[in-house]
Amino acid sequence: MTRNRASAKKAGSEFERRQADWLATRLNDDRIDRRVKRGVKDTGDIGGVVFAGHRVVIECKNTARDNLPAWIREAEVERGNDDALIGVVMHKKRGTTDPAEQYVSMTAETFAVLVERGVTT
């Protein structure tokens, strides 16, 4: 089946919903949910994720065409719009619908922020 704009939007919405529901269950946090679109001041696709007391922006992508540099830039703009600590891209892994098996990409700086704020036991 060839994807058109409507089917692409539907696939994207379903991916966002599936990932948000999985993340809320996995992290046992009912504040995590799919966000309402905000146009030019978009703040990501999944909200309610917190790390070290700060908001995290998650931009979701379900597409066969990989454009990771643009997706990372988009997540960074949305991080700024939301005044969040970090922004990441959660993107579809071809061949599986298991939410836990999808990919998360970020800049090296974002990774460093995660590591420096982590707590060792």
PDB file of N, CA and C in Angstrom:
ATOM      1  N   MET A   1       0.837  -1.179   0.000  1.00  0.00           N
ATOM      2  CA  MET A   1       0.000   0.000   0.000  1.00  0.00           C
ATOM      3  C   MET A   1       0.884   1.246   0.000  1.00  0.00           C
ATOM      4  N   THR A   2       0.595   2.166  -0.885  1.00  0.00           N
ATOM      5  CA  THR A   2       1.318   3.431  -0.966  1.00  0.00           C
ATOM      6  C   THR A   2       0.787   4.371   0.107  1.00  0.00           C
ATOM      7  N   ARG A   3       1.716   5.055   0.754  1.00  0.00           N
ATOM      8  CA  ARG A   3       1.333   5.975   1.806  1.00  0.00           C
ATOM      9  C   ARG A   3       0.982   7.329   1.218  1.00  0.00           C
ATOM     10  N   ASN A   4      -0.162   7.867   1.649  1.00  0.00           N
ATOM     11  CA  ASN A   4      -0.532   9.230   1.278  1.00  0.00           C
ATOM     12  C   ASN A   4      -0.494  10.081   2.546  1.00  0.00           C
ATOM     13  N   ARG A   5      -0.820  11.334   2.414  1.00  0.00           N
ATOM     14  CA  ARG A   5      -0.738  12.233   3.582  1.00  0.00           C
ATOM     15  C   ARG A   5      -1.606  11.746   4.744  1.00  0.00           C
ATOM     16  N   ALA A   6      -2.826  11.314   4.437  1.00  0.00           N
ATOM     17  CA  ALA A   6      -3.745  10.858   5.489  1.00  0.00           C
ATOM     18  C   ALA A   6      -3.220   9.598   6.167  1.00  0.00           C
ATOM     19  N   SER A   7      -2.732   8.646   5.396  1.00  0.00           N
ATOM     20  CA  SER A   7      -2.237   7.406   6.000  1.00  0.00           C
ATOM     21  C   SER A   7      -0.944   7.650   6.777  1.00  0.00           C
ATOM     22  N   ALA A   8      -0.123   8.592   6.309  1.00  0.00           N
ATOM     23  CA  ALA A   8       1.109   8.939   7.028  1.00  0.00           C
ATOM     24  C   ALA A   8       0.782   9.593   8.370  1.00  0.00           C
ATOM     25  N   LYS A   9      -0.194  10.503   8.373  1.00  0.00           N
ATOM     26  CA  LYS A   9      -0.606  11.152   9.621  1.00  0.00           C
ATOM     27  C   LYS A   9      -1.168  10.128  10.605  1.00  0.00           C
ATOM     28  N   LYS A  10      -1.961   9.199  10.078  1.00  0.00           N
ATOM     29  CA  LYS A  10      -2.543   8.156  10.922  1.00  0.00           C
ATOM     30  C   LYS A  10      -1.450   7.270  11.517  1.00  0.00           C
ATOM     31  N   ALA A  11      -0.484   6.867  10.698  1.00  0.00           N
ATOM     32  CA  ALA A  11       0.619   6.039  11.189  1.00  0.00           C
ATOM     33  C   ALA A  11       1.422   6.787  12.251  1.00  0.00           C
ATOM     34  N   GLY A  12       1.664   8.065  12.016  1.00  0.00           N
ATOM     35  CA  GLY A  12       2.397   8.875  12.988  1.00  0.00           C
ATOM     36  C   GLY A  12       1.648   9.009  14.298  1.00  0.00           C
ATOM     37  N   SER A  13       0.359   9.267  14.224  1.00  0.00           N
ATOM     38  CA  SER A  13      -0.469   9.397  15.431  1.00  0.00           C
ATOM     39  C   SER A  13      -0.516   8.094  16.217  1.00  0.00           C
ATOM     40  N   GLU A  14      -0.655   6.987  15.503  1.00  0.00           N
ATOM     41  CA  GLU A  14      -0.689   5.684  16.170  1.00  0.00           C
ATOM     42  C   GLU A  14       0.651   5.372  16.838  1.00  0.00           C
ATOM     43  N   PHE A  15       1.752   5.706  16.173  1.00  0.00           N
ATOM     44  CA  PHE A  15       3.084   5.499  16.749  1.00  0.00           C
ATOM     45  C   PHE A  15       3.251   6.335  18.010  1.00  0.00           C
ATOM     46  N   GLU A  16       2.872   7.611  17.959  1.00  0.00           N
ATOM     47  CA  GLU A  16       2.962   8.488  19.121  1.00  0.00           C
ATOM     48  C   GLU A  16       2.145   7.934  20.283  1.00  0.00           C
ATOM     49  N   ARG A  17       0.913   7.510  20.010  1.00  0.00           N
ATOM     50  CA  ARG A  17       0.033   6.973  21.050  1.00  0.00           C
ATOM     51  C   ARG A  17       0.634   5.714  21.663  1.00  0.00           C
ATOM     52  N   ARG A  18       1.107   4.804  20.826  1.00  0.00           N
ATOM     53  CA  ARG A  18       1.682   3.543  21.307  1.00  0.00           C
ATOM     54  C   ARG A  18       2.923   3.803  22.169  1.00  0.00           C
ATOM     55  N   GLN A  19       3.770   4.719  21.712  1.00  0.00           N
ATOM     56  CA  GLN A  19       4.993   5.024  22.468  1.00  0.00           C
ATOM     57  C   GLN A  19       4.677   5.727  23.787  1.00  0.00           C
ATOM     58  N   ALA A  20       3.743   6.667  23.771  1.00  0.00           N
ATOM     59  CA  ALA A  20       3.367   7.373  25.001  1.00  0.00           C
ATOM     60  C   ALA A  20       2.760   6.407  26.018  1.00  0.00           C
ATOM     61  N   ASP A  21       1.870   5.531  25.557  1.00  0.00           N
ATOM     62  CA  ASP A  21       1.252   4.568  26.473  1.00  0.00           C
ATOM     63  C   ASP A  21       2.287   3.622  27.052  1.00  0.00           C
ATOM     64  N   TRP A  22       3.203   3.141  26.209  1.00  0.00           N
ATOM     65  CA  TRP A  22       4.241   2.234  26.692  1.00  0.00           C
ATOM     66  C   TRP A  22       5.137   2.930  27.714  1.00  0.00           C
ATOM     67  N   LEU A  23       5.571   4.152  27.397  1.00  0.00           N
ATOM     68  CA  LEU A  23       6.465   4.885  28.288  1.00  0.00           C
ATOM     69  C   LEU A  23       5.795   5.173  29.633  1.00  0.00           C
ATOM     70  N   ALA A  24       4.521   5.539  29.615  1.00  0.00           N
ATOM     71  CA  ALA A  24       3.789   5.795  30.861  1.00  0.00           C
ATOM     72  C   ALA A  24       3.721   4.535  31.720  1.00  0.00           C
ATOM     73  N   THR A  25       3.486   3.400  31.082  1.00  0.00           N
ATOM     74  CA  THR A  25       3.436   2.127  31.813  1.00  0.00           C
ATOM     75  C   THR A  25       4.825   1.732  32.302  1.00  0.00           C
ATOM     76  N   ARG A  26       5.807   1.817  31.418  1.00  0.00           N
ATOM     77  CA  ARG A  26       7.180   1.404  31.753  1.00  0.00           C
ATOM     78  C   ARG A  26       7.752   2.232  32.889  1.00  0.00           C
ATOM     79  N   LEU A  27       7.472   3.540  32.897  1.00  0.00           N
ATOM     80  CA  LEU A  27       7.990   4.429  33.934  1.00  0.00           C
ATOM     81  C   LEU A  27       7.015   4.625  35.089  1.00  0.00           C
ATOM     82  N   ASN A  28       5.852   3.942  34.998  1.00  0.00           N
ATOM     83  CA  ASN A  28       4.829   4.028  36.041  1.00  0.00           C
ATOM     84  C   ASN A  28       4.494   5.489  36.370  1.00  0.00           C
ATOM     85  N   ASP A  29       4.173   6.245  35.319  1.00  0.00           N
ATOM     86  CA  ASP A  29       3.901   7.671  35.477  1.00  0.00           C
ATOM     87  C   ASP A  29       2.731   8.060  34.574  1.00  0.00           C
ATOM     88  N   ASP A  30       1.566   8.259  35.182  1.00  0.00           N
ATOM     89  CA  ASP A  30       0.371   8.558  34.391  1.00  0.00           C
ATOM     90  C   ASP A  30       0.326   9.996  33.871  1.00  0.00           C
ATOM     91  N   ARG A  31       1.350  10.794  34.165  1.00  0.00           N
ATOM     92  CA  ARG A  31       1.428  12.149  33.595  1.00  0.00           C
ATOM     93  C   ARG A  31       1.959  12.121  32.161  1.00  0.00           C
ATOM     94  N   ILE A  32       2.585  11.029  31.773  1.00  0.00           N
ATOM     95  CA  ILE A  32       3.138  10.914  30.426  1.00  0.00           C
ATOM     96  C   ILE A  32       2.013  10.635  29.446  1.00  0.00           C
ATOM     97  N   ASP A  33       1.936  11.460  28.406  1.00  0.00           N
ATOM     98  CA  ASP A  33       0.860  11.304  27.424  1.00  0.00           C
ATOM     99  C   ASP A  33       1.250  11.972  26.115  1.00  0.00           C
ATOM    100  N   ARG A  34       0.506  11.649  25.101  1.00  0.00           N
ATOM    101  CA  ARG A  34       0.679  12.264  23.794  1.00  0.00           C
ATOM    102  C   ARG A  34       0.219  13.722  23.891  1.00  0.00           C
ATOM    103  N   ARG A  35       0.995  14.626  23.327  1.00  0.00           N
ATOM    104  CA  ARG A  35       0.675  16.054  23.396  1.00  0.00           C
ATOM    105  C   ARG A  35      -0.189  16.505  22.235  1.00  0.00           C
ATOM    106  N   VAL A  36      -0.923  17.553  22.486  1.00  0.00           N
ATOM    107  CA  VAL A  36      -1.703  18.224  21.451  1.00  0.00           C
ATOM    108  C   VAL A  36      -0.740  19.048  20.612  1.00  0.00           C
ATOM    109  N   LYS A  37      -0.936  19.054  19.297  1.00  0.00           N
ATOM    110  CA  LYS A  37      -0.076  19.841  18.399  1.00  0.00           C
ATOM    111  C   LYS A  37      -0.254  21.326  18.669  1.00  0.00           C
ATOM    112  N   ARG A  38       0.860  22.081  18.621  1.00  0.00           N
ATOM    113  CA  ARG A  38       0.821  23.511  18.907  1.00  0.00           C
ATOM    114  C   ARG A  38       1.313  24.373  17.758  1.00  0.00           C
ATOM    115  N   GLY A  39       1.443  23.821  16.573  1.00  0.00           N
ATOM    116  CA  GLY A  39       1.868  24.617  15.422  1.00  0.00           C
ATOM    117  C   GLY A  39       3.299  25.084  15.528  1.00  0.00           C
ATOM    118  N   VAL A  40       3.532  26.383  15.313  1.00  0.00           N
ATOM    119  CA  VAL A  40       4.896  26.912  15.274  1.00  0.00           C
ATOM    120  C   VAL A  40       5.603  26.843  16.624  1.00  0.00           C
ATOM    121  N   LYS A  41       4.882  26.757  17.701  1.00  0.00           N
ATOM    122  CA  LYS A  41       5.477  26.647  19.039  1.00  0.00           C
ATOM    123  C   LYS A  41       5.344  25.222  19.579  1.00  0.00           C
ATOM    124  N   ASP A  42       5.522  24.248  18.690  1.00  0.00           N
ATOM    125  CA  ASP A  42       5.410  22.843  19.044  1.00  0.00           C
ATOM    126  C   ASP A  42       6.376  22.508  20.184  1.00  0.00           C
ATOM    127  N   THR A  43       5.926  21.667  21.098  1.00  0.00           N
ATOM    128  CA  THR A  43       6.741  21.272  22.244  1.00  0.00           C
ATOM    129  C   THR A  43       6.950  19.759  22.292  1.00  0.00           C
ATOM    130  N   GLY A  44       6.921  19.114  21.133  1.00  0.00           N
ATOM    131  CA  GLY A  44       7.174  17.679  21.061  1.00  0.00           C
ATOM    132  C   GLY A  44       5.889  16.876  21.024  1.00  0.00           C
ATOM    133  N   ASP A  45       6.059  15.574  20.811  1.00  0.00           N
ATOM    134  CA  ASP A  45       4.906  14.687  20.639  1.00  0.00           C
ATOM    135  C   ASP A  45       4.468  13.985  21.916  1.00  0.00           C
ATOM    136  N   ILE A  46       5.393  13.804  22.847  1.00  0.00           N
ATOM    137  CA  ILE A  46       5.063  13.150  24.114  1.00  0.00           C
ATOM    138  C   ILE A  46       5.461  14.085  25.241  1.00  0.00           C
ATOM    139  N   GLY A  47       4.548  14.318  26.151  1.00  0.00           N
ATOM    140  CA  GLY A  47       4.802  15.202  27.280  1.00  0.00           C
ATOM    141  C   GLY A  47       4.716  14.464  28.601  1.00  0.00           C
ATOM    142  N   GLY A  48       5.144  15.130  29.642  1.00  0.00           N
ATOM    143  CA  GLY A  48       5.056  14.575  30.982  1.00  0.00           C
ATOM    144  C   GLY A  48       6.277  13.773  31.404  1.00  0.00           C
ATOM    145  N   VAL A  49       7.270  13.676  30.523  1.00  0.00           N
ATOM    146  CA  VAL A  49       8.497  12.956  30.867  1.00  0.00           C
ATOM    147  C   VAL A  49       9.421  13.921  31.596  1.00  0.00           C
ATOM    148  N   VAL A  50       9.932  13.471  32.737  1.00  0.00           N
ATOM    149  CA  VAL A  50      10.787  14.314  33.568  1.00  0.00           C
ATOM    150  C   VAL A  50      12.070  13.552  33.883  1.00  0.00           C
ATOM    151  N   PHE A  51      13.198  14.276  33.821  1.00  0.00           N
ATOM    152  CA  PHE A  51      14.486  13.722  34.193  1.00  0.00           C
ATOM    153  C   PHE A  51      15.189  14.711  35.103  1.00  0.00           C
ATOM    154  N   ALA A  52      15.605  14.269  36.270  1.00  0.00           N
ATOM    155  CA  ALA A  52      16.306  15.108  37.243  1.00  0.00           C
ATOM    156  C   ALA A  52      15.526  16.393  37.520  1.00  0.00           C
ATOM    157  N   GLY A  53      14.198  16.287  37.559  1.00  0.00           N
ATOM    158  CA  GLY A  53      13.351  17.428  37.858  1.00  0.00           C
ATOM    159  C   GLY A  53      13.096  18.363  36.692  1.00  0.00           C
ATOM    160  N   HIS A  54      13.543  18.006  35.500  1.00  0.00           N
ATOM    161  CA  HIS A  54      13.396  18.845  34.316  1.00  0.00           C
ATOM    162  C   HIS A  54      12.584  18.124  33.246  1.00  0.00           C
ATOM    163  N   ARG A  55      11.894  18.910  32.424  1.00  0.00           N
ATOM    164  CA  ARG A  55      11.118  18.344  31.323  1.00  0.00           C
ATOM    165  C   ARG A  55      12.021  17.768  30.238  1.00  0.00           C
ATOM    166  N   VAL A  56      11.496  16.738  29.578  1.00  0.00           N
ATOM    167  CA  VAL A  56      12.155  16.112  28.436  1.00  0.00           C
ATOM    168  C   VAL A  56      11.195  16.202  27.257  1.00  0.00           C
ATOM    169  N   VAL A  57      11.695  16.656  26.110  1.00  0.00           N
ATOM    170  CA  VAL A  57      10.902  16.712  24.891  1.00  0.00           C
ATOM    171  C   VAL A  57      11.183  15.458  24.079  1.00  0.00           C
ATOM    172  N   ILE A  58      10.123  14.796  23.619  1.00  0.00           N
ATOM    173  CA  ILE A  58      10.259  13.625  22.759  1.00  0.00           C
ATOM    174  C   ILE A  58       9.530  13.905  21.455  1.00  0.00           C
ATOM    175  N   GLU A  59      10.289  13.887  20.376  1.00  0.00           N
ATOM    176  CA  GLU A  59       9.742  14.036  19.031  1.00  0.00           C
ATOM    177  C   GLU A  59       9.690  12.647  18.406  1.00  0.00           C
ATOM    178  N   CYS A  60       8.511  12.210  17.970  1.00  0.00           N
ATOM    179  CA  CYS A  60       8.335  10.865  17.407  1.00  0.00           C
ATOM    180  C   CYS A  60       8.316  10.914  15.889  1.00  0.00           C
ATOM    181  N   LYS A  61       8.926   9.896  15.276  1.00  0.00           N
ATOM    182  CA  LYS A  61       8.958   9.796  13.813  1.00  0.00           C
ATOM    183  C   LYS A  61       8.693   8.351  13.397  1.00  0.00           C
ATOM    184  N   ASN A  62       7.707   8.188  12.521  1.00  0.00           N
ATOM    185  CA  ASN A  62       7.388   6.881  11.946  1.00  0.00           C
ATOM    186  C   ASN A  62       7.385   7.059  10.433  1.00  0.00           C
ATOM    187  N   THR A  63       8.554   6.934   9.836  1.00  0.00           N
ATOM    188  CA  THR A  63       8.681   7.136   8.400  1.00  0.00           C
ATOM    189  C   THR A  63       9.780   6.244   7.845  1.00  0.00           C
ATOM    190  N   ALA A  64       9.617   5.834   6.610  1.00  0.00           N
ATOM    191  CA  ALA A  64      10.629   5.007   5.951  1.00  0.00           C
ATOM    192  C   ALA A  64      11.833   5.843   5.533  1.00  0.00           C
ATOM    193  N   ARG A  65      11.628   7.144   5.353  1.00  0.00           N
ATOM    194  CA  ARG A  65      12.724   8.028   4.955  1.00  0.00           C
ATOM    195  C   ARG A  65      13.426   8.562   6.191  1.00  0.00           C
ATOM    196  N   ASP A  66      14.690   8.233   6.318  1.00  0.00           N
ATOM    197  CA  ASP A  66      15.488   8.672   7.457  1.00  0.00           C
ATOM    198  C   ASP A  66      16.014  10.079   7.203  1.00  0.00           C
ATOM    199  N   ASN A  67      15.735  10.989   8.121  1.00  0.00           N
ATOM    200  CA  ASN A  67      16.258  12.349   8.045  1.00  0.00           C
ATOM    201  C   ASN A  67      16.656  12.788   9.450  1.00  0.00           C
ATOM    202  N   LEU A  68      17.510  11.979  10.063  1.00  0.00           N
ATOM    203  CA  LEU A  68      17.876  12.196  11.456  1.00  0.00           C
ATOM    204  C   LEU A  68      18.402  13.596  11.754  1.00  0.00           C
ATOM    205  N   PRO A  69      19.271  14.189  10.928  1.00  0.00           N
ATOM    206  CA  PRO A  69      19.730  15.549  11.247  1.00  0.00           C
ATOM    207  C   PRO A  69      18.575  16.555  11.379  1.00  0.00           C
ATOM    208  N   ALA A  70      17.602  16.494  10.480  1.00  0.00           N
ATOM    209  CA  ALA A  70      16.456  17.405  10.564  1.00  0.00           C
ATOM    210  C   ALA A  70      15.600  17.091  11.779  1.00  0.00           C
ATOM    211  N   TRP A  71      15.457  15.817  12.089  1.00  0.00           N
ATOM    212  CA  TRP A  71      14.651  15.433  13.257  1.00  0.00           C
ATOM    213  C   TRP A  71      15.293  15.935  14.553  1.00  0.00           C
ATOM    214  N   ILE A  72      16.612  15.815  14.653  1.00  0.00           N
ATOM    215  CA  ILE A  72      17.327  16.301  15.842  1.00  0.00           C
ATOM    216  C   ILE A  72      17.174  17.815  15.964  1.00  0.00           C
ATOM    217  N   ARG A  73      17.298  18.527  14.838  1.00  0.00           N
ATOM    218  CA  ARG A  73      17.097  19.991  14.869  1.00  0.00           C
ATOM    219  C   ARG A  73      15.687  20.322  15.346  1.00  0.00           C
ATOM    220  N   GLU A  74      14.704  19.570  14.866  1.00  0.00           N
ATOM    221  CA  GLU A  74      13.316  19.792  15.274  1.00  0.00           C
ATOM    222  C   GLU A  74      13.156  19.560  16.780  1.00  0.00           C
ATOM    223  N   ALA A  75      13.744  18.489  17.298  1.00  0.00           N
ATOM    224  CA  ALA A  75      13.663  18.209  18.734  1.00  0.00           C
ATOM    225  C   ALA A  75      14.322  19.320  19.550  1.00  0.00           C
ATOM    226  N   GLU A  76      15.411  19.886  19.030  1.00  0.00           N
ATOM    227  CA  GLU A  76      16.092  20.968  19.740  1.00  0.00           C
ATOM    228  C   GLU A  76      15.253  22.247  19.755  1.00  0.00           C
ATOM    229  N   VAL A  77      14.597  22.558  18.643  1.00  0.00           N
ATOM    230  CA  VAL A  77      13.699  23.720  18.606  1.00  0.00           C
ATOM    231  C   VAL A  77      12.568  23.517  19.609  1.00  0.00           C
ATOM    232  N   GLU A  78      11.991  22.328  19.619  1.00  0.00           N
ATOM    233  CA  GLU A  78      10.881  22.033  20.530  1.00  0.00           C
ATOM    234  C   GLU A  78      11.342  22.036  21.987  1.00  0.00           C
ATOM    235  N   ARG A  79      12.571  21.600  22.236  1.00  0.00           N
ATOM    236  CA  ARG A  79      13.139  21.669  23.586  1.00  0.00           C
ATOM    237  C   ARG A  79      13.160  23.120  24.044  1.00  0.00           C
ATOM    238  N   GLY A  80      13.597  24.008  23.172  1.00  0.00           N
ATOM    239  CA  GLY A  80      13.606  25.434  23.502  1.00  0.00           C
ATOM    240  C   GLY A  80      12.206  25.978  23.722  1.00  0.00           C
ATOM    241  N   ASN A  81      11.261  25.567  22.877  1.00  0.00           N
ATOM    242  CA  ASN A  81       9.871  26.018  23.022  1.00  0.00           C
ATOM    243  C   ASN A  81       9.281  25.599  24.360  1.00  0.00           C
ATOM    244  N   ASP A  82       9.716  24.450  24.865  1.00  0.00           N
ATOM    245  CA  ASP A  82       9.169  23.897  26.109  1.00  0.00           C
ATOM    246  C   ASP A  82      10.038  24.224  27.321  1.00  0.00           C
ATOM    247  N   ASP A  83      11.151  24.925  27.097  1.00  0.00           N
ATOM    248  CA  ASP A  83      12.111  25.205  28.165  1.00  0.00           C
ATOM    249  C   ASP A  83      12.498  23.901  28.877  1.00  0.00           C
ATOM    250  N   ALA A  84      12.763  22.874  28.081  1.00  0.00           N
ATOM    251  CA  ALA A  84      13.086  21.550  28.608  1.00  0.00           C
ATOM    252  C   ALA A  84      14.599  21.376  28.716  1.00  0.00           C
ATOM    253  N   LEU A  85      15.011  20.428  29.524  1.00  0.00           N
ATOM    254  CA  LEU A  85      16.431  20.132  29.699  1.00  0.00           C
ATOM    255  C   LEU A  85      17.018  19.480  28.453  1.00  0.00           C
ATOM    256  N   ILE A  86      16.305  18.485  27.924  1.00  0.00           N
ATOM    257  CA  ILE A  86      16.805  17.772  26.750  1.00  0.00           C
ATOM    258  C   ILE A  86      15.677  17.501  25.763  1.00  0.00           C
ATOM    259  N   GLY A  87      16.080  17.250  24.530  1.00  0.00           N
ATOM    260  CA  GLY A  87      15.152  16.841  23.479  1.00  0.00           C
ATOM    261  C   GLY A  87      15.729  15.635  22.768  1.00  0.00           C
ATOM    262  N   VAL A  88      14.901  14.624  22.538  1.00  0.00           N
ATOM    263  CA  VAL A  88      15.336  13.407  21.854  1.00  0.00           C
ATOM    264  C   VAL A  88      14.334  13.054  20.758  1.00  0.00           C
ATOM    265  N   VAL A  89      14.773  12.198  19.849  1.00  0.00           N
ATOM    266  CA  VAL A  89      13.915  11.706  18.778  1.00  0.00           C
ATOM    267  C   VAL A  89      13.675  10.221  19.015  1.00  0.00           C
ATOM    268  N   MET A  90      12.415   9.832  19.104  1.00  0.00           N
ATOM    269  CA  MET A  90      12.042   8.424  19.206  1.00  0.00           C
ATOM    270  C   MET A  90      11.532   8.033  17.827  1.00  0.00           C
ATOM    271  N   HIS A  91      12.242   7.097  17.169  1.00  0.00           N
ATOM    272  CA  HIS A  91      11.876   6.782  15.793  1.00  0.00           C
ATOM    273  C   HIS A  91      11.697   5.289  15.576  1.00  0.00           C
ATOM    274  N   LYS A  92      10.892   5.002  14.565  1.00  0.00           N
ATOM    275  CA  LYS A  92      10.439   3.655  14.255  1.00  0.00           C
ATOM    276  C   LYS A  92      11.578   2.752  13.822  1.00  0.00           C
ATOM    277  N   LYS A  93      11.626   1.581  14.402  1.00  0.00           N
ATOM    278  CA  LYS A  93      12.523   0.522  13.959  1.00  0.00           C
ATOM    279  C   LYS A  93      11.735  -0.358  13.009  1.00  0.00           C
ATOM    280  N   ARG A  94      12.146  -0.409  11.772  1.00  0.00           N
ATOM    281  CA  ARG A  94      11.444  -1.224  10.773  1.00  0.00           C
ATOM    282  C   ARG A  94      11.413  -2.683  11.207  1.00  0.00           C
ATOM    283  N   GLY A  95      10.270  -3.313  10.988  1.00  0.00           N
ATOM    284  CA  GLY A  95      10.133  -4.741  11.244  1.00  0.00           C
ATOM    285  C   GLY A  95       9.561  -5.094  12.594  1.00  0.00           C
ATOM    286  N   THR A  96       9.295  -4.097  13.430  1.00  0.00           N
ATOM    287  CA  THR A  96       8.708  -4.388  14.736  1.00  0.00           C
ATOM    288  C   THR A  96       7.768  -3.259  15.167  1.00  0.00           C
ATOM    289  N   THR A  97       6.708  -3.640  15.836  1.00  0.00           N
ATOM    290  CA  THR A  97       5.803  -2.642  16.422  1.00  0.00           C
ATOM    291  C   THR A  97       5.961  -2.577  17.940  1.00  0.00           C
ATOM    292  N   ASP A  98       6.845  -3.404  18.497  1.00  0.00           N
ATOM    293  CA  ASP A  98       7.076  -3.424  19.943  1.00  0.00           C
ATOM    294  C   ASP A  98       7.625  -2.064  20.378  1.00  0.00           C
ATOM    295  N   PRO A  99       6.899  -1.327  21.208  1.00  0.00           N
ATOM    296  CA  PRO A  99       7.348   0.007  21.621  1.00  0.00           C
ATOM    297  C   PRO A  99       8.729   0.010  22.286  1.00  0.00           C
ATOM    298  N   ALA A 100       9.055  -1.040  23.008  1.00  0.00           N
ATOM    299  CA  ALA A 100      10.342  -1.103  23.700  1.00  0.00           C
ATOM    300  C   ALA A 100      11.515  -1.297  22.745  1.00  0.00           C
ATOM    301  N   GLU A 101      11.244  -1.692  21.511  1.00  0.00           N
ATOM    302  CA  GLU A 101      12.293  -1.965  20.535  1.00  0.00           C
ATOM    303  C   GLU A 101      12.562  -0.791  19.587  1.00  0.00           C
ATOM    304  N   GLN A 102      11.859   0.314  19.757  1.00  0.00           N
ATOM    305  CA  GLN A 102      12.056   1.477  18.878  1.00  0.00           C
ATOM    306  C   GLN A 102      13.357   2.181  19.274  1.00  0.00           C
ATOM    307  N   TYR A 103      13.817   3.070  18.422  1.00  0.00           N
ATOM    308  CA  TYR A 103      15.088   3.768  18.653  1.00  0.00           C
ATOM    309  C   TYR A 103      14.877   5.143  19.277  1.00  0.00           C
ATOM    310  N   VAL A 104      15.872   5.580  20.047  1.00  0.00           N
ATOM    311  CA  VAL A 104      15.923   6.952  20.555  1.00  0.00           C
ATOM    312  C   VAL A 104      17.275   7.520  20.151  1.00  0.00           C
ATOM    313  N   SER A 105      17.267   8.671  19.485  1.00  0.00           N
ATOM    314  CA  SER A 105      18.502   9.326  19.044  1.00  0.00           C
ATOM    315  C   SER A 105      18.590  10.708  19.665  1.00  0.00           C
ATOM    316  N   MET A 106      19.837  11.143  19.851  1.00  0.00           N
ATOM    317  CA  MET A 106      20.096  12.444  20.472  1.00  0.00           C
ATOM    318  C   MET A 106      21.488  12.906  20.070  1.00  0.00           C
ATOM    319  N   THR A 107      21.791  14.156  20.366  1.00  0.00           N
ATOM    320  CA  THR A 107      23.135  14.662  20.134  1.00  0.00           C
ATOM    321  C   THR A 107      24.067  14.158  21.233  1.00  0.00           C
ATOM    322  N   ALA A 108      25.358  14.254  20.983  1.00  0.00           N
ATOM    323  CA  ALA A 108      26.343  13.879  21.999  1.00  0.00           C
ATOM    324  C   ALA A 108      26.202  14.788  23.229  1.00  0.00           C
ATOM    325  N   GLU A 109      25.873  16.056  23.005  1.00  0.00           N
ATOM    326  CA  GLU A 109      25.672  16.978  24.131  1.00  0.00           C
ATOM    327  C   GLU A 109      24.498  16.528  25.004  1.00  0.00           C
ATOM    328  N   THR A 110      23.417  16.109  24.369  1.00  0.00           N
ATOM    329  CA  THR A 110      22.270  15.616  25.132  1.00  0.00           C
ATOM    330  C   THR A 110      22.668  14.391  25.943  1.00  0.00           C
ATOM    331  N   PHE A 111      23.428  13.495  25.333  1.00  0.00           N
ATOM    332  CA  PHE A 111      23.896  12.309  26.042  1.00  0.00           C
ATOM    333  C   PHE A 111      24.762  12.705  27.241  1.00  0.00           C
ATOM    334  N   ALA A 112      25.651  13.685  27.061  1.00  0.00           N
ATOM    335  CA  ALA A 112      26.498  14.146  28.156  1.00  0.00           C
ATOM    336  C   ALA A 112      25.665  14.721  29.301  1.00  0.00           C
ATOM    337  N   VAL A 113      24.610  15.460  28.969  1.00  0.00           N
ATOM    338  CA  VAL A 113      23.715  16.002  30.001  1.00  0.00           C
ATOM    339  C   VAL A 113      23.079  14.858  30.793  1.00  0.00           C
ATOM    340  N   LEU A 114      22.653  13.820  30.100  1.00  0.00           N
ATOM    341  CA  LEU A 114      22.075  12.661  30.789  1.00  0.00           C
ATOM    342  C   LEU A 114      23.082  12.024  31.735  1.00  0.00           C
ATOM    343  N   VAL A 115      24.289  11.836  31.260  1.00  0.00           N
ATOM    344  CA  VAL A 115      25.309  11.174  32.068  1.00  0.00           C
ATOM    345  C   VAL A 115      25.697  12.031  33.276  1.00  0.00           C
ATOM    346  N   GLU A 116      25.869  13.310  33.086  1.00  0.00           N
ATOM    347  CA  GLU A 116      26.302  14.152  34.202  1.00  0.00           C
ATOM    348  C   GLU A 116      25.222  14.325  35.263  1.00  0.00           C
ATOM    349  N   ARG A 117      23.974  14.152  34.902  1.00  0.00           N
ATOM    350  CA  ARG A 117      22.883  14.286  35.862  1.00  0.00           C
ATOM    351  C   ARG A 117      22.491  12.940  36.481  1.00  0.00           C
ATOM    352  N   GLY A 118      23.092  11.868  36.013  1.00  0.00           N
ATOM    353  CA  GLY A 118      22.755  10.528  36.502  1.00  0.00           C
ATOM    354  C   GLY A 118      23.289  10.301  37.909  1.00  0.00           C
ATOM    355  N   VAL A 119      22.697   9.360  38.587  1.00  0.00           N
ATOM    356  CA  VAL A 119      23.116   9.014  39.947  1.00  0.00           C
ATOM    357  C   VAL A 119      23.645   7.589  39.919  1.00  0.00           C
ATOM    358  N   THR A 120      24.860   7.394  40.417  1.00  0.00           N
ATOM    359  CA  THR A 120      25.424   6.059  40.488  1.00  0.00           C
ATOM    360  C   THR A 120      25.111   5.454  41.847  1.00  0.00           C
ATOM    361  N   THR A 121      24.957   4.164  41.844  1.00  0.00           N
ATOM    362  CA  THR A 121      24.649   3.496  43.123  1.00  0.00           C
ATOM    363  C   THR A 121      25.736   2.554  43.517  1.00  0.00           C
TER     364      THR A 121
END
